[in-house]
Amino acid sequence: MGEKKFKFTIPAKKSSAFSWRLKVPDVSYQLVYRVKAISEKFSDGEEGLLPILSRRIFIRESIPLWISGKGNKTFNFDKLIQSSQSSTLQNEKLVLQMTSNPAWYAIQAIPYLQKIFPECTDYVFERLYANSLGEKIVQANPKIEKIFKQWRGTQALKSNLQKSQDLKGVSLEETPWVNDAESEEKAK
C-alpha cells in the first residue's frame, strides 16, 4: 500500500496517542502494519497484523476431473474463462488437487459419520450409511482391507501432524492441535 509520513511532537519523558485513517483494500487476508517513530537520536517502532473481514462472499467450486488408464485427456474450464467478463466476480486462487484413488477420501470420512451422537433417526441413518459405504468400498476394492491389516501397529496410522518432520523439535503436547491429531490417528 505504500509508506505514509506524518510529523508529530512528543515532549521528553511523556507519551501520547495518535490516530489516522487507513484505506483498507477489500482482501481476505491479514495486512501487516509497521509504525515507526524516528527522531534525530532515537527511533522506535511496532509491527503487527491487522485482520480483515471481507465484505465479499467466497464461493468455492470443485470440478472432478476423471482420468482412468493411460492416455491424454483435455478439460475445458468454461466458467473460469467466462468469469473474466464479470464486473463483480474476482478470482482469488486456483488450486489443482490430484489423487490417484479418491475412494481414500470417502474412507477417511467414515469415522466422522460413525461418531456417537444423541440417538435420533438422523444420526442412526448416518451410522448405517457409513457402515454400508465402508462395506461397499471394501467389496469393490479388496486390496483396501489388506492395506488396513498391514497398517495396524505401524507409523502409517499416525496423523500427518504427528508424522511431520518439521515439528520434531516442537513438543506436540504444547500445541492446540494435538487433540485433532490424536482423533485423526484413531479414525485411521
C-alpha atoms as a PDB file:
ATOM      1  CA  MET A   1       0.000   0.000   0.000  1.00  0.00           C
ATOM      2  CA  GLY A   2       2.949   2.282   0.406  1.00  0.00           C
ATOM      3  CA  GLU A   3       4.518   4.383   3.082  1.00  0.00           C
ATOM      4  CA  LYS A   4       2.920   7.478   4.622  1.00  0.00           C
ATOM      5  CA  LYS A   5       4.822  10.003   6.726  1.00  0.00           C
ATOM      6  CA  PHE A   6       3.313  12.194   9.439  1.00  0.00           C
ATOM      7  CA  LYS A   7       5.043  14.780  11.625  1.00  0.00           C
ATOM      8  CA  PHE A   8       4.289  14.815  15.339  1.00  0.00           C
ATOM      9  CA  THR A   9       5.914  16.078  18.519  1.00  0.00           C
ATOM     10  CA  ILE A  10       6.132  14.313  21.880  1.00  0.00           C
ATOM     11  CA  PRO A  11       7.784  16.088  24.817  1.00  0.00           C
ATOM     12  CA  ALA A  12      10.599  14.246  26.640  1.00  0.00           C
ATOM     13  CA  LYS A  13       9.506  11.673  29.264  1.00  0.00           C
ATOM     14  CA  LYS A  14       5.887  11.802  28.049  1.00  0.00           C
ATOM     15  CA  SER A  15       3.700   9.579  25.937  1.00  0.00           C
ATOM     16  CA  SER A  16       0.952  10.445  23.567  1.00  0.00           C
ATOM     17  CA  ALA A  17      -1.669   8.692  21.450  1.00  0.00           C
ATOM     18  CA  PHE A  18      -2.039   9.269  17.738  1.00  0.00           C
ATOM     19  CA  SER A  19      -4.573   8.065  15.206  1.00  0.00           C
ATOM     20  CA  TRP A  20      -5.032   8.297  11.474  1.00  0.00           C
ATOM     21  CA  ARG A  21      -7.382   6.916   8.863  1.00  0.00           C
ATOM     22  CA  LEU A  22      -6.491   3.866   6.805  1.00  0.00           C
ATOM     23  CA  LYS A  23      -7.831   2.915   3.421  1.00  0.00           C
ATOM     24  CA  VAL A  24      -8.148  -0.867   3.665  1.00  0.00           C
ATOM     25  CA  PRO A  25      -8.332  -2.869   0.436  1.00  0.00           C
ATOM     26  CA  ASP A  26     -11.080  -5.454   0.008  1.00  0.00           C
ATOM     27  CA  VAL A  27      -8.944  -8.525   0.665  1.00  0.00           C
ATOM     28  CA  SER A  28      -9.430 -11.733   2.622  1.00  0.00           C
ATOM     29  CA  TYR A  29      -6.011 -11.963   4.226  1.00  0.00           C
ATOM     30  CA  GLN A  30      -4.339 -10.148   7.102  1.00  0.00           C
ATOM     31  CA  LEU A  31      -2.394  -6.985   6.448  1.00  0.00           C
ATOM     32  CA  VAL A  32       0.947  -6.247   8.059  1.00  0.00           C
ATOM     33  CA  TYR A  33       1.308  -2.772   9.524  1.00  0.00           C
ATOM     34  CA  ARG A  34       4.530  -1.047  10.611  1.00  0.00           C
ATOM     35  CA  VAL A  35       4.602   2.130  12.653  1.00  0.00           C
ATOM     36  CA  LYS A  36       7.942   3.856  13.255  1.00  0.00           C
ATOM     37  CA  ALA A  37       8.741   6.951  15.283  1.00  0.00           C
ATOM     38  CA  ILE A  38      12.091   8.374  14.229  1.00  0.00           C
ATOM     39  CA  SER A  39      13.941  11.349  15.726  1.00  0.00           C
ATOM     40  CA  GLU A  40      17.497  12.616  15.336  1.00  0.00           C
ATOM     41  CA  LYS A  41      18.770  10.494  18.257  1.00  0.00           C
ATOM     42  CA  PHE A  42      16.221   7.729  18.834  1.00  0.00           C
ATOM     43  CA  SER A  43      13.750   5.550  16.980  1.00  0.00           C
ATOM     44  CA  ASP A  44      11.060   3.091  17.989  1.00  0.00           C
ATOM     45  CA  GLY A  45       8.536   1.065  16.122  1.00  0.00           C
ATOM     46  CA  GLU A  46       5.904  -1.608  16.150  1.00  0.00           C
ATOM     47  CA  GLU A  47       4.732  -4.171  13.642  1.00  0.00           C
ATOM     48  CA  GLY A  48       1.594  -6.272  13.756  1.00  0.00           C
ATOM     49  CA  LEU A  49      -1.161  -7.968  11.805  1.00  0.00           C
ATOM     50  CA  LEU A  50      -4.461  -6.350  11.003  1.00  0.00           C
ATOM     51  CA  PRO A  51      -7.199  -8.946  10.402  1.00  0.00           C
ATOM     52  CA  ILE A  52      -9.530  -8.009   7.558  1.00  0.00           C
ATOM     53  CA  LEU A  53     -13.140  -9.140   7.369  1.00  0.00           C
ATOM     54  CA  SER A  54     -14.049  -9.063   3.704  1.00  0.00           C
ATOM     55  CA  ARG A  55     -17.432  -7.868   2.549  1.00  0.00           C
ATOM     56  CA  ARG A  56     -17.312 -10.294  -0.335  1.00  0.00           C
ATOM     57  CA  ILE A  57     -18.917 -13.730  -0.367  1.00  0.00           C
ATOM     58  CA  PHE A  58     -16.484 -16.519  -1.079  1.00  0.00           C
ATOM     59  CA  ILE A  59     -17.622 -19.309  -3.343  1.00  0.00           C
ATOM     60  CA  ARG A  60     -15.603 -22.436  -3.872  1.00  0.00           C
ATOM     61  CA  GLU A  61     -16.260 -24.502  -6.935  1.00  0.00           C
ATOM     62  CA  SER A  62     -14.912 -28.005  -7.293  1.00  0.00           C
ATOM     63  CA  ILE A  63     -14.815 -29.891 -10.543  1.00  0.00           C
ATOM     64  CA  PRO A  64     -13.861 -33.565 -10.599  1.00  0.00           C
ATOM     65  CA  LEU A  65     -11.538 -34.429 -13.469  1.00  0.00           C
ATOM     66  CA  TRP A  66     -11.783 -38.159 -14.001  1.00  0.00           C
ATOM     67  CA  ILE A  67      -8.849 -39.805 -15.679  1.00  0.00           C
ATOM     68  CA  SER A  68      -8.704 -43.560 -15.954  1.00  0.00           C
ATOM     69  CA  GLY A  69      -5.956 -45.540 -17.563  1.00  0.00           C
ATOM     70  CA  LYS A  70      -3.211 -44.273 -19.807  1.00  0.00           C
ATOM     71  CA  GLY A  71      -3.619 -41.568 -22.407  1.00  0.00           C
ATOM     72  CA  ASN A  72      -4.303 -37.864 -22.773  1.00  0.00           C
ATOM     73  CA  LYS A  73      -7.444 -36.031 -21.826  1.00  0.00           C
ATOM     74  CA  THR A  74      -8.385 -32.377 -22.361  1.00  0.00           C
ATOM     75  CA  PHE A  75     -10.533 -30.380 -19.952  1.00  0.00           C
ATOM     76  CA  ASN A  76     -12.168 -27.023 -20.665  1.00  0.00           C
ATOM     77  CA  PHE A  77     -12.814 -24.661 -17.768  1.00  0.00           C
ATOM     78  CA  ASP A  78     -15.561 -22.631 -19.445  1.00  0.00           C
ATOM     79  CA  LYS A  79     -16.887 -20.989 -16.256  1.00  0.00           C
ATOM     80  CA  LEU A  80     -13.399 -19.895 -15.279  1.00  0.00           C
ATOM     81  CA  ILE A  81     -12.779 -18.399 -18.725  1.00  0.00           C
ATOM     82  CA  GLN A  82     -16.155 -16.607 -18.676  1.00  0.00           C
ATOM     83  CA  SER A  83     -15.517 -15.257 -15.160  1.00  0.00           C
ATOM     84  CA  SER A  84     -13.077 -12.678 -16.579  1.00  0.00           C
ATOM     85  CA  GLN A  85     -16.052 -10.929 -18.206  1.00  0.00           C
ATOM     86  CA  SER A  86     -17.832 -10.366 -14.865  1.00  0.00           C
ATOM     87  CA  SER A  87     -17.603  -6.909 -13.301  1.00  0.00           C
ATOM     88  CA  THR A  88     -18.216  -8.214  -9.752  1.00  0.00           C
ATOM     89  CA  LEU A  89     -16.581 -11.635  -9.704  1.00  0.00           C
ATOM     90  CA  GLN A  90     -12.988 -11.736  -8.537  1.00  0.00           C
ATOM     91  CA  ASN A  91     -10.971 -14.949  -8.617  1.00  0.00           C
ATOM     92  CA  GLU A  92      -8.730 -15.374  -5.595  1.00  0.00           C
ATOM     93  CA  LYS A  93      -6.873 -18.589  -6.299  1.00  0.00           C
ATOM     94  CA  LEU A  94      -6.916 -21.663  -8.439  1.00  0.00           C
ATOM     95  CA  VAL A  95      -5.974 -24.979  -6.848  1.00  0.00           C
ATOM     96  CA  LEU A  96      -5.482 -28.237  -8.690  1.00  0.00           C
ATOM     97  CA  GLN A  97      -5.535 -31.233  -6.385  1.00  0.00           C
ATOM     98  CA  MET A  98      -4.917 -34.716  -7.665  1.00  0.00           C
ATOM     99  CA  THR A  99      -5.406 -38.079  -6.057  1.00  0.00           C
ATOM    100  CA  SER A 100      -4.817 -41.453  -7.612  1.00  0.00           C
ATOM    101  CA  ASN A 101      -7.598 -43.060  -5.591  1.00  0.00           C
ATOM    102  CA  PRO A 102     -10.417 -40.715  -4.442  1.00  0.00           C
ATOM    103  CA  ALA A 103     -12.031 -43.571  -2.502  1.00  0.00           C
ATOM    104  CA  TRP A 104      -9.467 -42.828   0.253  1.00  0.00           C
ATOM    105  CA  TYR A 105     -11.244 -39.515   0.980  1.00  0.00           C
ATOM    106  CA  ALA A 106     -14.518 -41.345   1.446  1.00  0.00           C
ATOM    107  CA  ILE A 107     -12.826 -43.900   3.694  1.00  0.00           C
ATOM    108  CA  GLN A 108     -11.257 -41.171   5.843  1.00  0.00           C
ATOM    109  CA  ALA A 109     -14.671 -39.500   6.289  1.00  0.00           C
ATOM    110  CA  ILE A 110     -16.381 -42.674   7.540  1.00  0.00           C
ATOM    111  CA  PRO A 111     -15.202 -42.405  11.185  1.00  0.00           C
ATOM    112  CA  TYR A 112     -16.742 -38.936  11.446  1.00  0.00           C
ATOM    113  CA  LEU A 113     -20.104 -40.305  10.349  1.00  0.00           C
ATOM    114  CA  GLN A 114     -19.856 -43.052  12.962  1.00  0.00           C
ATOM    115  CA  LYS A 115     -19.249 -40.765  15.950  1.00  0.00           C
ATOM    116  CA  ILE A 116     -21.607 -41.282  18.841  1.00  0.00           C
ATOM    117  CA  PHE A 117     -24.304 -38.622  18.758  1.00  0.00           C
ATOM    118  CA  PRO A 118     -27.643 -38.464  20.559  1.00  0.00           C
ATOM    119  CA  GLU A 119     -29.941 -41.241  19.460  1.00  0.00           C
ATOM    120  CA  CYS A 120     -32.202 -39.858  16.758  1.00  0.00           C
ATOM    121  CA  THR A 121     -33.122 -41.077  13.312  1.00  0.00           C
ATOM    122  CA  ASP A 122     -30.685 -38.740  11.511  1.00  0.00           C
ATOM    123  CA  TYR A 123     -27.634 -39.994  13.395  1.00  0.00           C
ATOM    124  CA  VAL A 124     -28.730 -43.632  13.243  1.00  0.00           C
ATOM    125  CA  PHE A 125     -29.092 -43.247   9.473  1.00  0.00           C
ATOM    126  CA  GLU A 126     -25.626 -41.616   9.225  1.00  0.00           C
ATOM    127  CA  ARG A 127     -24.024 -44.560  11.047  1.00  0.00           C
ATOM    128  CA  LEU A 128     -25.930 -47.046   8.868  1.00  0.00           C
ATOM    129  CA  TYR A 129     -24.863 -45.112   5.758  1.00  0.00           C
ATOM    130  CA  ALA A 130     -21.222 -45.011   6.923  1.00  0.00           C
ATOM    131  CA  ASN A 131     -21.149 -48.766   7.549  1.00  0.00           C
ATOM    132  CA  SER A 132     -22.828 -49.506   4.209  1.00  0.00           C
ATOM    133  CA  LEU A 133     -20.459 -47.153   2.371  1.00  0.00           C
ATOM    134  CA  GLY A 134     -17.412 -48.702   4.016  1.00  0.00           C
ATOM    135  CA  GLU A 135     -18.591 -52.215   3.197  1.00  0.00           C
ATOM    136  CA  LYS A 136     -19.276 -51.264  -0.428  1.00  0.00           C
ATOM    137  CA  ILE A 137     -15.833 -49.663  -0.832  1.00  0.00           C
ATOM    138  CA  VAL A 138     -14.053 -52.688   0.648  1.00  0.00           C
ATOM    139  CA  GLN A 139     -16.055 -55.079  -1.541  1.00  0.00           C
ATOM    140  CA  ALA A 140     -15.236 -53.053  -4.655  1.00  0.00           C
ATOM    141  CA  ASN A 141     -11.565 -52.723  -3.659  1.00  0.00           C
ATOM    142  CA  PRO A 142     -10.436 -55.850  -1.767  1.00  0.00           C
ATOM    143  CA  LYS A 143      -6.860 -54.516  -1.599  1.00  0.00           C
ATOM    144  CA  ILE A 144      -8.031 -51.854   0.866  1.00  0.00           C
ATOM    145  CA  GLU A 145      -8.755 -54.412   3.580  1.00  0.00           C
ATOM    146  CA  LYS A 146      -5.264 -55.911   3.128  1.00  0.00           C
ATOM    147  CA  ILE A 147      -3.720 -52.436   3.434  1.00  0.00           C
ATOM    148  CA  PHE A 148      -5.601 -51.774   6.679  1.00  0.00           C
ATOM    149  CA  LYS A 149      -4.273 -55.016   8.120  1.00  0.00           C
ATOM    150  CA  GLN A 150      -0.720 -54.083   7.082  1.00  0.00           C
ATOM    151  CA  TRP A 151      -1.057 -50.639   8.666  1.00  0.00           C
ATOM    152  CA  ARG A 152      -2.031 -51.888  12.128  1.00  0.00           C
ATOM    153  CA  GLY A 153       0.749 -51.104  14.596  1.00  0.00           C
ATOM    154  CA  THR A 154       2.801 -49.044  12.107  1.00  0.00           C
ATOM    155  CA  GLN A 155       3.519 -45.340  11.563  1.00  0.00           C
ATOM    156  CA  ALA A 156       1.019 -45.300   8.676  1.00  0.00           C
ATOM    157  CA  LEU A 157      -1.863 -44.767  11.106  1.00  0.00           C
ATOM    158  CA  LYS A 158      -0.263 -41.684  12.670  1.00  0.00           C
ATOM    159  CA  SER A 159      -1.799 -38.365  11.686  1.00  0.00           C
ATOM    160  CA  ASN A 160       0.040 -36.127   9.228  1.00  0.00           C
ATOM    161  CA  LEU A 161       0.716 -33.698  12.080  1.00  0.00           C
ATOM    162  CA  GLN A 162       2.380 -36.405  14.158  1.00  0.00           C
ATOM    163  CA  LYS A 163       4.489 -37.618  11.204  1.00  0.00           C
ATOM    164  CA  SER A 164       5.682 -34.143  10.171  1.00  0.00           C
ATOM    165  CA  GLN A 165       9.482 -33.873  10.238  1.00  0.00           C
ATOM    166  CA  ASP A 166       9.228 -30.089  10.619  1.00  0.00           C
ATOM    167  CA  LEU A 167       7.625 -30.498  14.041  1.00  0.00           C
ATOM    168  CA  LYS A 168      10.180 -32.900  15.524  1.00  0.00           C
ATOM    169  CA  GLY A 169      11.705 -30.024  17.550  1.00  0.00           C
ATOM    170  CA  VAL A 170       8.331 -28.931  18.939  1.00  0.00           C
ATOM    171  CA  SER A 171       6.516 -30.940  21.557  1.00  0.00           C
ATOM    172  CA  LEU A 172       3.084 -31.821  20.188  1.00  0.00           C
ATOM    173  CA  GLU A 173       1.659 -31.757  23.709  1.00  0.00           C
ATOM    174  CA  GLU A 174       2.218 -27.997  23.721  1.00  0.00           C
ATOM    175  CA  THR A 175       0.143 -27.338  20.608  1.00  0.00           C
ATOM    176  CA  PRO A 176      -3.633 -26.884  20.439  1.00  0.00           C
ATOM    177  CA  TRP A 177      -3.858 -29.314  17.508  1.00  0.00           C
ATOM    178  CA  VAL A 178      -2.772 -32.396  19.429  1.00  0.00           C
ATOM    179  CA  ASN A 179      -6.377 -33.486  20.079  1.00  0.00           C
ATOM    180  CA  ASP A 180      -7.169 -33.199  16.374  1.00  0.00           C
ATOM    181  CA  ALA A 181      -4.093 -35.267  15.521  1.00  0.00           C
ATOM    182  CA  GLU A 182      -4.994 -37.954  18.059  1.00  0.00           C
ATOM    183  CA  SER A 183      -8.563 -38.202  16.756  1.00  0.00           C
ATOM    184  CA  GLU A 184      -7.230 -38.386  13.183  1.00  0.00           C
ATOM    185  CA  GLU A 185      -4.993 -41.285  14.217  1.00  0.00           C
ATOM    186  CA  LYS A 186      -7.946 -43.079  15.845  1.00  0.00           C
ATOM    187  CA  ALA A 187     -10.056 -42.504  12.741  1.00  0.00           C
ATOM    188  CA  LYS A 188      -7.390 -44.030  10.518  1.00  0.00           C
END
